Amino acid sequence: MSCGGEHATPCSEVLAKVYSYIDGELEESNCAEIREHLDECGPCLAEYGLEEVVKKLVAKHCGADPVPGDLRDKVLHRLEAARADLQVRERAE
């Protein structure tokens, strides 16, 4: 993700923690770093908003449905691939 600026916390690190942030699972110091980054980085803020919406939709529509056994592994694999791609793009900038 190209943010067009330098940040104290890299975009890839913020996006790697966004689900934990949405779920309230981070320590306050990490939350403050994420909030500061989101305040100054429009692309990450948009991504955070998208992640929050997706999470709410999944909870609303799939909360009672059984989850396929391999779904978690597939999602985690895709997230890791996306993070690796983001880190490569950040290094290329």
C-alpha atoms as a PDB file:
ATOM      1  CA  MET A   1       0.000   0.000   0.000  1.00  0.00           C
ATOM      2  CA  SER A   2       1.386   3.362  -0.971  1.00  0.00           C
ATOM      3  CA  CYS A   3       0.559   6.005   1.583  1.00  0.00           C
ATOM      4  CA  GLY A   4       2.665   8.815   0.227  1.00  0.00           C
ATOM      5  CA  GLY A   5       4.410   9.590   3.491  1.00  0.00           C
ATOM      6  CA  GLU A   6       6.623   8.413   6.290  1.00  0.00           C
ATOM      7  CA  HIS A   7       4.944   7.147   9.436  1.00  0.00           C
ATOM      8  CA  ALA A   8       6.218   6.167  12.867  1.00  0.00           C
ATOM      9  CA  THR A   9       4.476   2.807  12.412  1.00  0.00           C
ATOM     10  CA  PRO A  10       4.766   1.210   8.934  1.00  0.00           C
ATOM     11  CA  CYS A  11       1.534   0.561   7.016  1.00  0.00           C
ATOM     12  CA  SER A  12       2.223  -3.176   6.858  1.00  0.00           C
ATOM     13  CA  GLU A  13       2.470  -3.341  10.658  1.00  0.00           C
ATOM     14  CA  VAL A  14      -0.776  -1.397  11.108  1.00  0.00           C
ATOM     15  CA  LEU A  15      -2.673  -3.579   8.657  1.00  0.00           C
ATOM     16  CA  ALA A  16      -1.266  -6.745  10.249  1.00  0.00           C
ATOM     17  CA  LYS A  17      -2.802  -5.664  13.570  1.00  0.00           C
ATOM     18  CA  VAL A  18      -6.080  -4.219  12.282  1.00  0.00           C
ATOM     19  CA  TYR A  19      -8.248  -7.230  13.241  1.00  0.00           C
ATOM     20  CA  SER A  20      -6.811  -7.287  16.753  1.00  0.00           C
ATOM     21  CA  TYR A  21      -7.432  -3.530  16.948  1.00  0.00           C
ATOM     22  CA  ILE A  22     -11.055  -3.921  15.801  1.00  0.00           C
ATOM     23  CA  ASP A  23     -11.575  -6.701  18.370  1.00  0.00           C
ATOM     24  CA  GLY A  24     -10.060  -4.622  21.197  1.00  0.00           C
ATOM     25  CA  GLU A  25      -7.318  -7.193  21.759  1.00  0.00           C
ATOM     26  CA  LEU A  26      -4.315  -4.827  21.691  1.00  0.00           C
ATOM     27  CA  GLU A  27      -2.598  -3.097  24.588  1.00  0.00           C
ATOM     28  CA  GLU A  28      -3.380   0.602  24.858  1.00  0.00           C
ATOM     29  CA  SER A  29       0.093   1.625  23.661  1.00  0.00           C
ATOM     30  CA  ASN A  30      -0.427  -0.360  20.441  1.00  0.00           C
ATOM     31  CA  CYS A  31      -3.918   1.101  20.051  1.00  0.00           C
ATOM     32  CA  ALA A  32      -2.503   4.613  20.322  1.00  0.00           C
ATOM     33  CA  GLU A  33       0.061   3.869  17.593  1.00  0.00           C
ATOM     34  CA  ILE A  34      -2.627   2.460  15.316  1.00  0.00           C
ATOM     35  CA  ARG A  35      -4.998   5.409  15.934  1.00  0.00           C
ATOM     36  CA  GLU A  36      -2.190   7.891  15.225  1.00  0.00           C
ATOM     37  CA  HIS A  37      -1.305   6.122  11.994  1.00  0.00           C
ATOM     38  CA  LEU A  38      -4.946   5.923  10.871  1.00  0.00           C
ATOM     39  CA  ASP A  39      -5.384   9.646  11.620  1.00  0.00           C
ATOM     40  CA  GLU A  40      -2.592  10.549   9.195  1.00  0.00           C
ATOM     41  CA  CYS A  41      -2.830   7.793   6.555  1.00  0.00           C
ATOM     42  CA  GLY A  42      -5.899   7.886   4.330  1.00  0.00           C
ATOM     43  CA  PRO A  43      -5.241   4.579   2.499  1.00  0.00           C
ATOM     44  CA  CYS A  44      -4.823   2.666   5.766  1.00  0.00           C
ATOM     45  CA  LEU A  45      -7.920   4.329   7.208  1.00  0.00           C
ATOM     46  CA  ALA A  46      -9.894   3.199   4.154  1.00  0.00           C
ATOM     47  CA  GLU A  47      -8.521  -0.343   4.519  1.00  0.00           C
ATOM     48  CA  TYR A  48      -9.386  -0.317   8.243  1.00  0.00           C
ATOM     49  CA  GLY A  49     -12.932   0.762   7.392  1.00  0.00           C
ATOM     50  CA  LEU A  50     -13.241  -2.035   4.853  1.00  0.00           C
ATOM     51  CA  GLU A  51     -11.927  -4.621   7.315  1.00  0.00           C
ATOM     52  CA  GLU A  52     -14.375  -3.451   9.981  1.00  0.00           C
ATOM     53  CA  VAL A  53     -17.317  -3.663   7.583  1.00  0.00           C
ATOM     54  CA  VAL A  54     -16.309  -7.143   6.397  1.00  0.00           C
ATOM     55  CA  LYS A  55     -15.946  -8.373   9.965  1.00  0.00           C
ATOM     56  CA  LYS A  56     -19.402  -7.044  10.903  1.00  0.00           C
ATOM     57  CA  LEU A  57     -20.998  -8.593   7.801  1.00  0.00           C
ATOM     58  CA  VAL A  58     -19.437 -11.965   8.510  1.00  0.00           C
ATOM     59  CA  ALA A  59     -20.584 -11.836  12.136  1.00  0.00           C
ATOM     60  CA  LYS A  60     -24.116 -10.829  11.099  1.00  0.00           C
ATOM     61  CA  HIS A  61     -24.584 -13.344   8.322  1.00  0.00           C
ATOM     62  CA  CYS A  62     -22.424 -16.273   9.365  1.00  0.00           C
ATOM     63  CA  GLY A  63     -22.553 -16.134  13.152  1.00  0.00           C
ATOM     64  CA  ALA A  64     -24.667 -19.279  13.499  1.00  0.00           C
ATOM     65  CA  ASP A  65     -23.462 -21.223  10.458  1.00  0.00           C
ATOM     66  CA  PRO A  66     -20.890 -23.970  10.886  1.00  0.00           C
ATOM     67  CA  VAL A  67     -17.476 -22.954   9.584  1.00  0.00           C
ATOM     68  CA  PRO A  68     -15.704 -25.293   7.140  1.00  0.00           C
ATOM     69  CA  GLY A  69     -12.662 -26.859   8.810  1.00  0.00           C
ATOM     70  CA  ASP A  70     -10.149 -25.549   6.298  1.00  0.00           C
ATOM     71  CA  LEU A  71     -11.544 -21.990   6.097  1.00  0.00           C
ATOM     72  CA  ARG A  72      -9.328 -20.624   8.881  1.00  0.00           C
ATOM     73  CA  ASP A  73      -6.181 -21.977   7.215  1.00  0.00           C
ATOM     74  CA  LYS A  74      -7.211 -20.561   3.826  1.00  0.00           C
ATOM     75  CA  VAL A  75      -7.925 -17.121   5.286  1.00  0.00           C
ATOM     76  CA  LEU A  76      -4.689 -17.031   7.270  1.00  0.00           C
ATOM     77  CA  HIS A  77      -2.711 -18.115   4.194  1.00  0.00           C
ATOM     78  CA  ARG A  78      -4.263 -15.368   2.065  1.00  0.00           C
ATOM     79  CA  LEU A  79      -3.669 -12.746   4.758  1.00  0.00           C
ATOM     80  CA  GLU A  80      -0.018 -13.765   5.039  1.00  0.00           C
ATOM     81  CA  ALA A  81       0.391 -13.596   1.242  1.00  0.00           C
ATOM     82  CA  ALA A  82      -1.187 -10.123   1.197  1.00  0.00           C
ATOM     83  CA  ARG A  83       1.106  -8.940   4.013  1.00  0.00           C
ATOM     84  CA  ALA A  84       4.181 -10.282   2.212  1.00  0.00           C
ATOM     85  CA  ASP A  85       3.096  -8.509  -0.969  1.00  0.00           C
ATOM     86  CA  LEU A  86       2.586  -5.266   0.949  1.00  0.00           C
ATOM     87  CA  GLN A  87       6.034  -5.508   2.524  1.00  0.00           C
ATOM     88  CA  VAL A  88       7.628  -6.056  -0.902  1.00  0.00           C
ATOM     89  CA  ARG A  89       5.810  -3.003  -2.296  1.00  0.00           C
ATOM     90  CA  GLU A  90       6.827  -0.873   0.713  1.00  0.00           C
ATOM     91  CA  ARG A  91      10.492  -1.828   0.241  1.00  0.00           C
ATOM     92  CA  ALA A  92      10.294  -0.939  -3.454  1.00  0.00           C
ATOM     93  CA  GLU A  93       9.125   2.616  -2.700  1.00  0.00           C
END
